[in-house]
Structure formats: structure tokens, C-alpha cells
C-alpha atoms as a PDB file:
ATOM      1  CA  MET A   1     103.531 110.080 103.429  1.00  0.00           C
ATOM      2  CA  LYS A   2     102.719 106.439 104.084  1.00  0.00           C
ATOM      3  CA  ALA A   3     104.988 103.756 105.559  1.00  0.00           C
ATOM      4  CA  ILE A   4     105.065  99.976 105.202  1.00  0.00           C
ATOM      5  CA  ILE A   5     106.963  98.090 107.897  1.00  0.00           C
ATOM      6  CA  VAL A   6     108.282  94.581 107.133  1.00  0.00           C
ATOM      7  CA  SER A   7     107.954  92.751 110.456  1.00  0.00           C
ATOM      8  CA  ALA A   8     106.696  89.204 109.875  1.00  0.00           C
ATOM      9  CA  GLY A   9     109.638  87.188 111.158  1.00  0.00           C
ATOM     10  CA  GLN A  10     110.300  85.670 114.547  1.00  0.00           C
ATOM     11  CA  GLY A  11     113.898  86.827 114.952  1.00  0.00           C
ATOM     12  CA  GLN A  12     115.487  83.453 115.711  1.00  0.00           C
ATOM     13  CA  ARG A  13     118.930  84.940 116.297  1.00  0.00           C
ATOM     14  CA  LEU A  14     117.435  86.550 119.407  1.00  0.00           C
ATOM     15  CA  LEU A  15     116.164  83.326 120.965  1.00  0.00           C
ATOM     16  CA  PRO A  16     115.161  82.693 123.734  1.00  0.00           C
ATOM     17  CA  LEU A  17     113.857  86.298 123.883  1.00  0.00           C
ATOM     18  CA  THR A  18     111.714  85.637 120.800  1.00  0.00           C
ATOM     19  CA  ALA A  19     110.531  82.131 121.669  1.00  0.00           C
ATOM     20  CA  ASP A  20     106.964  83.376 122.147  1.00  0.00           C
ATOM     21  CA  ARG A  21     107.269  87.057 121.216  1.00  0.00           C
ATOM     22  CA  PRO A  22     107.906  88.618 117.803  1.00  0.00           C
ATOM     23  CA  LYS A  23     111.179  90.538 117.536  1.00  0.00           C
ATOM     24  CA  CYS A  24     109.341  93.801 116.879  1.00  0.00           C
ATOM     25  CA  LEU A  25     107.825  93.688 120.406  1.00  0.00           C
ATOM     26  CA  LEU A  26     111.124  93.424 122.270  1.00  0.00           C
ATOM     27  CA  THR A  27     111.449  96.497 124.499  1.00  0.00           C
ATOM     28  CA  VAL A  28     114.146  99.028 123.606  1.00  0.00           C
ATOM     29  CA  ARG A  29     113.188 102.259 125.405  1.00  0.00           C
ATOM     30  CA  GLY A  30     111.534 101.878 128.791  1.00  0.00           C
ATOM     31  CA  ASP A  31     108.488  99.732 128.137  1.00  0.00           C
ATOM     32  CA  LEU A  32     108.294 100.725 124.473  1.00  0.00           C
ATOM     33  CA  SER A  33     108.927  98.038 121.889  1.00  0.00           C
ATOM     34  CA  MET A  34     110.923  98.392 118.683  1.00  0.00           C
ATOM     35  CA  LEU A  35     107.676  98.708 116.740  1.00  0.00           C
ATOM     36  CA  GLU A  36     106.328 101.452 118.999  1.00  0.00           C
ATOM     37  CA  VAL A  37     109.565 103.424 118.789  1.00  0.00           C
ATOM     38  CA  GLN A  38     109.427 103.137 114.986  1.00  0.00           C
ATOM     39  CA  LEU A  39     105.821 104.346 114.929  1.00  0.00           C
ATOM     40  CA  HIS A  40     106.518 107.324 117.184  1.00  0.00           C
ATOM     41  CA  THR A  41     109.509 108.304 115.062  1.00  0.00           C
ATOM     42  CA  LEU A  42     107.526 107.984 111.838  1.00  0.00           C
ATOM     43  CA  ALA A  43     104.785 110.212 113.317  1.00  0.00           C
ATOM     44  CA  LYS A  44     107.408 112.841 114.196  1.00  0.00           C
ATOM     45  CA  CYS A  45     108.420 112.884 110.523  1.00  0.00           C
ATOM     46  CA  GLY A  46     104.929 113.541 109.195  1.00  0.00           C
ATOM     47  CA  VAL A  47     103.873 109.982 108.401  1.00  0.00           C
ATOM     48  CA  THR A  48     100.155 109.539 109.000  1.00  0.00           C
ATOM     49  CA  ASP A  49      99.408 106.033 107.654  1.00  0.00           C
ATOM     50  CA  VAL A  50     101.315 102.825 108.459  1.00  0.00           C
ATOM     51  CA  SER A  51     100.830  99.238 107.291  1.00  0.00           C
ATOM     52  CA  ILE A  52     102.674  96.612 109.293  1.00  0.00           C
ATOM     53  CA  MET A  53     103.360  93.257 107.631  1.00  0.00           C
ATOM     54  CA  VAL A  54     103.101  90.669 110.414  1.00  0.00           C
ATOM     55  CA  GLY A  55     103.459  86.897 110.770  1.00  0.00           C
ATOM     56  CA  PHE A  56     104.873  85.254 113.899  1.00  0.00           C
ATOM     57  CA  ARG A  57     102.578  85.855 116.901  1.00  0.00           C
ATOM     58  CA  SER A  58     100.679  88.514 114.976  1.00  0.00           C
ATOM     59  CA  ASP A  59      98.018  88.410 117.699  1.00  0.00           C
ATOM     60  CA  GLN A  60     100.451  90.038 120.103  1.00  0.00           C
ATOM     61  CA  VAL A  61     101.176  92.836 117.661  1.00  0.00           C
ATOM     62  CA  ASP A  62      97.461  93.498 117.155  1.00  0.00           C
ATOM     63  CA  GLN A  63      96.897  93.539 120.905  1.00  0.00           C
ATOM     64  CA  ARG A  64      99.755  96.009 121.557  1.00  0.00           C
ATOM     65  CA  LEU A  65      98.576  98.354 118.810  1.00  0.00           C
ATOM     66  CA  ALA A  66      95.010  98.281 120.203  1.00  0.00           C
ATOM     67  CA  GLU A  67      96.217  99.026 123.722  1.00  0.00           C
ATOM     68  CA  ARG A  68      98.547 101.869 122.723  1.00  0.00           C
ATOM     69  CA  PRO A  69      97.226 103.868 119.775  1.00  0.00           C
ATOM     70  CA  ILE A  70      99.330 106.830 118.616  1.00  0.00           C
ATOM     71  CA  PRO A  71      97.336 110.041 118.051  1.00  0.00           C
ATOM     72  CA  GLY A  72      97.278 111.119 114.417  1.00  0.00           C
ATOM     73  CA  LEU A  73      98.621 107.796 113.126  1.00  0.00           C
ATOM     74  CA  THR A  74      96.403 105.305 111.296  1.00  0.00           C
ATOM     75  CA  VAL A  75      97.894 101.837 111.708  1.00  0.00           C
ATOM     76  CA  ARG A  76      96.836  98.482 110.276  1.00  0.00           C
ATOM     77  CA  THR A  77      98.390  95.021 110.162  1.00  0.00           C
ATOM     78  CA  CYS A  78      98.559  92.722 107.139  1.00  0.00           C
ATOM     79  CA  TYR A  79      99.220  89.025 107.777  1.00  0.00           C
ATOM     80  CA  ASN A  80     101.704  86.889 105.838  1.00  0.00           C
ATOM     81  CA  PRO A  81     100.541  83.270 106.317  1.00  0.00           C
ATOM     82  CA  PHE A  82     103.757  82.007 104.691  1.00  0.00           C
ATOM     83  CA  TYR A  83     106.182  83.774 107.050  1.00  0.00           C
ATOM     84  CA  ALA A  84     107.583  80.480 108.420  1.00  0.00           C
ATOM     85  CA  VAL A  85     108.509  79.093 104.977  1.00  0.00           C
ATOM     86  CA  SER A  86     109.498  82.249 103.102  1.00  0.00           C
ATOM     87  CA  ASP A  87     111.931  85.129 103.274  1.00  0.00           C
ATOM     88  CA  ASN A  88     111.004  88.809 103.189  1.00  0.00           C
ATOM     89  CA  LEU A  89     110.430  89.022  99.409  1.00  0.00           C
ATOM     90  CA  ALA A  90     107.139  87.193  99.909  1.00  0.00           C
ATOM     91  CA  THR A  91     106.167  89.563 102.717  1.00  0.00           C
ATOM     92  CA  VAL A  92     106.813  92.657 100.577  1.00  0.00           C
ATOM     93  CA  TRP A  93     105.019  91.054  97.634  1.00  0.00           C
ATOM     94  CA  LEU A  94     101.959  90.569  99.843  1.00  0.00           C
ATOM     95  CA  ALA A  95     102.133  94.287 100.697  1.00  0.00           C
ATOM     96  CA  ARG A  96     101.426  95.270  97.078  1.00  0.00           C
ATOM     97  CA  THR A  97      97.825  96.224  97.850  1.00  0.00           C
ATOM     98  CA  GLU A  98      99.166  98.727 100.401  1.00  0.00           C
ATOM     99  CA  MET A  99     101.345 100.424  97.781  1.00  0.00           C
ATOM    100  CA  THR A 100      98.754 102.938  96.660  1.00  0.00           C
ATOM    101  CA  GLU A 101     100.791 106.143  96.964  1.00  0.00           C
ATOM    102  CA  ASP A 102     104.316 107.368  97.717  1.00  0.00           C
ATOM    103  CA  PHE A 103     105.647 105.387 100.668  1.00  0.00           C
ATOM    104  CA  ILE A 104     108.572 104.487 102.911  1.00  0.00           C
ATOM    105  CA  LEU A 105     109.519 100.799 103.077  1.00  0.00           C
ATOM    106  CA  LEU A 106     111.122 100.013 106.410  1.00  0.00           C
ATOM    107  CA  ASN A 107     112.570  96.874 107.950  1.00  0.00           C
ATOM    108  CA  GLY A 108     110.995  96.053 111.288  1.00  0.00           C
ATOM    109  CA  ASP A 109     114.382  95.784 112.978  1.00  0.00           C
ATOM    110  CA  THR A 110     115.754  99.176 111.843  1.00  0.00           C
ATOM    111  CA  LEU A 111     115.631 101.967 114.425  1.00  0.00           C
ATOM    112  CA  PHE A 112     116.725 105.543 113.721  1.00  0.00           C
ATOM    113  CA  GLU A 113     116.562 109.114 114.896  1.00  0.00           C
ATOM    114  CA  ALA A 114     113.819 111.305 113.459  1.00  0.00           C
ATOM    115  CA  ASN A 115     116.319 113.641 111.802  1.00  0.00           C
ATOM    116  CA  LEU A 116     117.646 110.764 109.749  1.00  0.00           C
ATOM    117  CA  LEU A 117     114.304 110.145 108.024  1.00  0.00           C
ATOM    118  CA  LYS A 118     113.659 113.864 107.721  1.00  0.00           C
ATOM    119  CA  GLN A 119     116.968 114.211 105.871  1.00  0.00           C
ATOM    120  CA  VAL A 120     116.045 111.389 103.496  1.00  0.00           C
ATOM    121  CA  LEU A 121     112.587 112.820 102.776  1.00  0.00           C
ATOM    122  CA  GLN A 122     113.987 116.291 102.168  1.00  0.00           C
ATOM    123  CA  GLY A 123     116.548 114.963  99.676  1.00  0.00           C
ATOM    124  CA  PRO A 124     116.150 114.463  95.910  1.00  0.00           C
ATOM    125  CA  LYS A 125     112.648 113.223  94.991  1.00  0.00           C
ATOM    126  CA  ALA A 126     113.751 110.218  92.930  1.00  0.00           C
ATOM    127  CA  PRO A 127     111.315 107.416  92.025  1.00  0.00           C
ATOM    128  CA  ILE A 128     113.338 104.983  94.166  1.00  0.00           C
ATOM    129  CA  THR A 129     115.781 105.904  96.956  1.00  0.00           C
ATOM    130  CA  VAL A 130     117.838 103.492  99.032  1.00  0.00           C
ATOM    131  CA  THR A 131     119.148 104.867 102.335  1.00  0.00           C
ATOM    132  CA  ILE A 132     122.815 104.016 102.866  1.00  0.00           C
ATOM    133  CA  ASN A 133     125.492 104.391 105.518  1.00  0.00           C
ATOM    134  CA  GLU A 134     129.211 104.625 104.845  1.00  0.00           C
ATOM    135  CA  LYS A 135     131.842 103.260 107.232  1.00  0.00           C
ATOM    136  CA  ALA A 136     135.467 102.163 107.249  1.00  0.00           C
ATOM    137  CA  ASP A 137     134.923  98.411 107.142  1.00  0.00           C
ATOM    138  CA  TYR A 138     132.123  96.021 106.207  1.00  0.00           C
ATOM    139  CA  ASP A 139     131.424  92.418 107.176  1.00  0.00           C
ATOM    140  CA  GLU A 140     129.575  89.491 105.701  1.00  0.00           C
ATOM    141  CA  ASP A 141     126.364  90.336 107.566  1.00  0.00           C
ATOM    142  CA  ASP A 142     126.094  93.865 106.155  1.00  0.00           C
ATOM    143  CA  MET A 143     123.655  94.494 103.286  1.00  0.00           C
ATOM    144  CA  LYS A 144     126.391  95.952 101.118  1.00  0.00           C
ATOM    145  CA  VAL A 145     125.941  98.262  98.139  1.00  0.00           C
ATOM    146  CA  ARG A 146     127.974  99.577  95.230  1.00  0.00           C
ATOM    147  CA  ILE A 147     127.248 102.960  93.726  1.00  0.00           C
ATOM    148  CA  ASP A 148     128.474 104.780  90.616  1.00  0.00           C
ATOM    149  CA  SER A 149     130.068 108.237  90.313  1.00  0.00           C
ATOM    150  CA  ASP A 150     126.592 109.848  90.359  1.00  0.00           C
ATOM    151  CA  ARG A 151     125.698 108.080  93.651  1.00  0.00           C
ATOM    152  CA  ARG A 152     123.261 105.785  91.893  1.00  0.00           C
ATOM    153  CA  LEU A 153     122.951 102.240  93.160  1.00  0.00           C
ATOM    154  CA  THR A 154     124.437  99.577  90.888  1.00  0.00           C
ATOM    155  CA  GLU A 155     124.497  96.466  93.118  1.00  0.00           C
ATOM    156  CA  ILE A 156     123.181  95.401  96.510  1.00  0.00           C
ATOM    157  CA  GLY A 157     123.555  92.202  98.520  1.00  0.00           C
ATOM    158  CA  LYS A 158     125.194  90.491 101.475  1.00  0.00           C
ATOM    159  CA  THR A 159     127.472  88.427  99.237  1.00  0.00           C
ATOM    160  CA  LEU A 160     129.264  91.350  97.621  1.00  0.00           C
ATOM    161  CA  ASP A 161     133.019  91.321  98.152  1.00  0.00           C
ATOM    162  CA  VAL A 162     133.664  93.331 101.354  1.00  0.00           C
ATOM    163  CA  SER A 163     136.871  94.728  99.835  1.00  0.00           C
ATOM    164  CA  ASN A 164     134.952  96.361  96.987  1.00  0.00           C
ATOM    165  CA  VAL A 165     131.802  98.017  98.351  1.00  0.00           C
ATOM    166  CA  ASP A 166     130.852 101.650  98.898  1.00  0.00           C
ATOM    167  CA  ALA A 167     128.256 101.553 101.682  1.00  0.00           C
ATOM    168  CA  GLU A 168     125.568  99.477 103.411  1.00  0.00           C
ATOM    169  CA  SER A 169     121.792  99.630 103.144  1.00  0.00           C
ATOM    170  CA  ILE A 170     120.112 100.426 106.470  1.00  0.00           C
ATOM    171  CA  GLY A 171     116.750  98.872 105.555  1.00  0.00           C
ATOM    172  CA  MET A 172     114.889 102.076 104.639  1.00  0.00           C
ATOM    173  CA  LEU A 173     113.730 102.852 101.087  1.00  0.00           C
ATOM    174  CA  VAL A 174     111.431 105.500  99.629  1.00  0.00           C
ATOM    175  CA  PHE A 175     109.244 105.008  96.563  1.00  0.00           C
ATOM    176  CA  ARG A 176     107.630 107.926  94.747  1.00  0.00           C
ATOM    177  CA  GLY A 177     105.550 108.312  91.576  1.00  0.00           C
ATOM    178  CA  GLU A 178     106.507 105.761  88.922  1.00  0.00           C
ATOM    179  CA  GLY A 179     108.822 104.072  91.427  1.00  0.00           C
ATOM    180  CA  VAL A 180     105.779 102.540  93.143  1.00  0.00           C
ATOM    181  CA  GLU A 181     104.629 100.751  89.989  1.00  0.00           C
ATOM    182  CA  ILE A 182     108.178  99.767  89.041  1.00  0.00           C
ATOM    183  CA  LEU A 183     108.531  98.028  92.405  1.00  0.00           C
ATOM    184  CA  LYS A 184     105.155  96.304  92.218  1.00  0.00           C
ATOM    185  CA  GLU A 185     105.870  94.915  88.756  1.00  0.00           C
ATOM    186  CA  ALA A 186     109.344  93.738  89.745  1.00  0.00           C
ATOM    187  CA  LEU A 187     107.993  92.026  92.893  1.00  0.00           C
ATOM    188  CA  ASP A 188     105.365  90.219  90.854  1.00  0.00           C
ATOM    189  CA  GLN A 189     107.997  88.935  88.425  1.00  0.00           C
ATOM    190  CA  ALA A 190     110.363  87.859  91.188  1.00  0.00           C
ATOM    191  CA  ILE A 191     107.835  85.916  93.258  1.00  0.00           C
ATOM    192  CA  ARG A 192     106.929  83.810  90.223  1.00  0.00           C
ATOM    193  CA  THR A 193     110.445  82.353  89.971  1.00  0.00           C
ATOM    194  CA  SER A 194     111.405  79.026  91.512  1.00  0.00           C
ATOM    195  CA  GLU A 195     113.452  80.743  94.221  1.00  0.00           C
ATOM    196  CA  GLY A 196     110.936  83.526  94.870  1.00  0.00           C
ATOM    197  CA  LEU A 197     109.859  82.342  98.324  1.00  0.00           C
ATOM    198  CA  LYS A 198     113.460  82.180  99.536  1.00  0.00           C
ATOM    199  CA  ASN A 199     114.705  85.525  98.226  1.00  0.00           C
ATOM    200  CA  TRP A 200     115.146  88.873  99.955  1.00  0.00           C
ATOM    201  CA  TYR A 201     113.261  91.844  98.573  1.00  0.00           C
ATOM    202  CA  LEU A 202     116.482  93.820  98.211  1.00  0.00           C
ATOM    203  CA  LYS A 203     117.513  91.404  95.460  1.00  0.00           C
ATOM    204  CA  VAL A 204     114.548  92.860  93.548  1.00  0.00           C
ATOM    205  CA  ILE A 205     115.976  96.331  94.113  1.00  0.00           C
ATOM    206  CA  GLY A 206     119.258  95.171  92.622  1.00  0.00           C
ATOM    207  CA  ASN A 207     117.397  93.838  89.569  1.00  0.00           C
ATOM    208  CA  ILE A 208     115.533  97.150  89.217  1.00  0.00           C
ATOM    209  CA  ALA A 209     118.839  99.066  89.346  1.00  0.00           C
ATOM    210  CA  GLU A 210     119.961  97.261  86.185  1.00  0.00           C
ATOM    211  CA  LYS A 211     117.191  99.002  84.187  1.00  0.00           C
ATOM    212  CA  HIS A 212     116.116 102.058  86.200  1.00  0.00           C
ATOM    213  CA  HIS A 213     117.640 104.929  88.150  1.00  0.00           C
ATOM    214  CA  VAL A 214     117.870 103.980  91.835  1.00  0.00           C
ATOM    215  CA  GLU A 215     119.047 106.921  93.937  1.00  0.00           C
ATOM    216  CA  THR A 216     120.915 106.625  97.241  1.00  0.00           C
ATOM    217  CA  ALA A 217     120.579 108.862 100.312  1.00  0.00           C
ATOM    218  CA  CYS A 218     123.631 108.841 102.541  1.00  0.00           C
ATOM    219  CA  ILE A 219     122.917 109.353 106.258  1.00  0.00           C
ATOM    220  CA  THR A 220     126.403 108.745 107.630  1.00  0.00           C
ATOM    221  CA  GLY A 221     126.710 110.471 111.015  1.00  0.00           C
ATOM    222  CA  ARG A 222     123.027 110.075 111.932  1.00  0.00           C
ATOM    223  CA  TRP A 223     122.075 107.593 114.624  1.00  0.00           C
ATOM    224  CA  TRP A 224     120.529 104.268 113.570  1.00  0.00           C
ATOM    225  CA  GLY A 225     120.742 100.606 114.481  1.00  0.00           C
ATOM    226  CA  GLU A 226     119.663  97.248 113.148  1.00  0.00           C
ATOM    227  CA  VAL A 227     118.675  94.548 115.676  1.00  0.00           C
ATOM    228  CA  ASP A 228     119.715  91.035 114.677  1.00  0.00           C
ATOM    229  CA  CYS A 229     121.290  89.721 117.878  1.00  0.00           C
ATOM    230  CA  ALA A 230     121.554  90.380 121.617  1.00  0.00           C
ATOM    231  CA  GLU A 231     124.510  92.746 121.137  1.00  0.00           C
ATOM    232  CA  ASP A 232     122.470  94.797 118.663  1.00  0.00           C
ATOM    233  CA  LEU A 233     119.625  94.990 121.147  1.00  0.00           C
ATOM    234  CA  GLU A 234     121.900  96.503 123.785  1.00  0.00           C
ATOM    235  CA  PHE A 235     123.354  98.913 121.214  1.00  0.00           C
ATOM    236  CA  VAL A 236     119.968 100.368 120.302  1.00  0.00           C
ATOM    237  CA  ARG A 237     118.816 100.528 123.931  1.00  0.00           C
ATOM    238  CA  THR A 238     121.929 102.541 124.829  1.00  0.00           C
ATOM    239  CA  GLY A 239     121.609 104.711 121.701  1.00  0.00           C
ATOM    240  CA  LEU A 240     117.931 105.516 122.262  1.00  0.00           C
ATOM    241  CA  LYS A 241     118.586 106.407 125.886  1.00  0.00           C
ATOM    242  CA  LYS A 242     121.332 108.804 124.838  1.00  0.00           C
ATOM    243  CA  LEU A 243     119.088 110.386 122.189  1.00  0.00           C
ATOM    244  CA  GLU A 244     116.426 110.943 124.818  1.00  0.00           C
ATOM    245  CA  GLN A 245     118.916 112.506 127.239  1.00  0.00           C
ATOM    246  CA  ASP A 246     120.366 114.761 124.520  1.00  0.00           C
ATOM    247  CA  HIS A 247     116.933 116.165 123.770  1.00  0.00           C
ATOM    248  CA  LEU A 248     115.924 116.962 127.330  1.00  0.00           C
ATOM    249  CA  PRO A 249     114.969 120.651 127.897  1.00  0.00           C
ATOM    250  CA  GLY A 250     117.992 122.706 128.763  1.00  0.00           C
ATOM    251  CA  ARG A 251     120.497 120.271 127.337  1.00  0.00           C
END
């Protein structure tokens, strides 16, 4: 299985920590960055090939990857020269040449335990699967989703009414078989619109769901975290430390 990580942005909500360092290189476990933790977790789940979509201070990402290769994992970076004037739809559109086989699409600020991804990959082999988490309450910042009685995705977006949603997307999707080509075609159509540079790629997933079966994989109860602000950063640092302690020999 291949993975594509969307990690081109600066992470301005984490300033001043990201003034001269991309968000993906902020440390979260000892001296390991978010990106390195993601890569180690992907390797534990059988991923062997990773493409990282970079932008802000991409030179730092390249240097870190060169200094700390992960055995058994082939990693390359792909540069988005428009990262400063576009949202992540453009970054994912530029990744089309990397979409040559079944793959995991992962946001660069989403961290998770290995068993979470293993559960998703062992689930139904649908062409497109969106990983979701259910909780009691949702806020305006959540990437909210609605699903039908068969657990298929019907809508996705931050602007959905918080009083009428079923779950949130965690920023992890899996594309298999025809799902790869469906995504590529939809990305190409979306980027050609007047608002293409300013859209999120998950809006494309919502458009796809209007015509195609988009499965959901619920991972409620598994550990994960999304890093948007300083509070999130502390949350994932604490969570990763606990995961490490829980897996010590004899525990």
C-alpha cells in the first residue's frame, strides 16, 4: 500500500512556532516530528511507499528525511509552488501523478495509533473510504459528515449544521481500484473552476459522493489527533507519550 501525505502548508495558527519551520516538523514525541511519527506509523501498517506533498520550507523537510531514513520505506517529496496562494485542493491535484495504485491519502497534521489504520485497511475494500470519528458534540472547526442508513457518506464540510451531523472526518482516506481514477477525474474538474485554488479537497469528495458510493470507516475509540493550534499540539504529545508507555514490555 502506498500513502500520500498532504503537508504543504505553514500552519499559521501555530505561529510563532511555525515562523520558519513547517508544521509537519514540529516535535511531538521526543525529538521526532509529526511527519516522522506519521512515517513510522505507516511503516508499522505495511506501507512501503510514501509521497509527501510539501510547500513552505520544503528544504527543511528534504533535509530531515535525508538525515533520518526509515528502513523499508521509500519516501519522496513533491513540491507545490502555489502553496502560499492556494488551499489543499491544489496540493492534492498536483499529487495526481503519484496516484498510480491503491493509496492512503493523509493530512499532514493527523496523528494516529497504528491499530487505527490497520482497522481501516482491514475493513470493507470499497473504491473510496473516508475515515470518521463519532462523538457527542461537534463544533464549527470539525470537518463534519453526514451518512445514510448504510453508513455511506452523503455530505462533508465544515459548514454543515452542527445539530445535524453524524461524525467528523479525521483526514484519512483510502482509494482502491476504480476509486483512484474517480478521484483523479474529479480533482481535474474541480481545479478548473474559478474557485478551484481556494477549495479544500474534501469538497471534491462531497461532490463524488453525489454520484458514487463513498464508504465510511468508523474508528471511534481509537487514539488520534489533529494539530491545528497549540492546545492540539500538547494533546498529541500527551497522547503519544501514553501510547508509548502502554506498549512498554511487561505493561
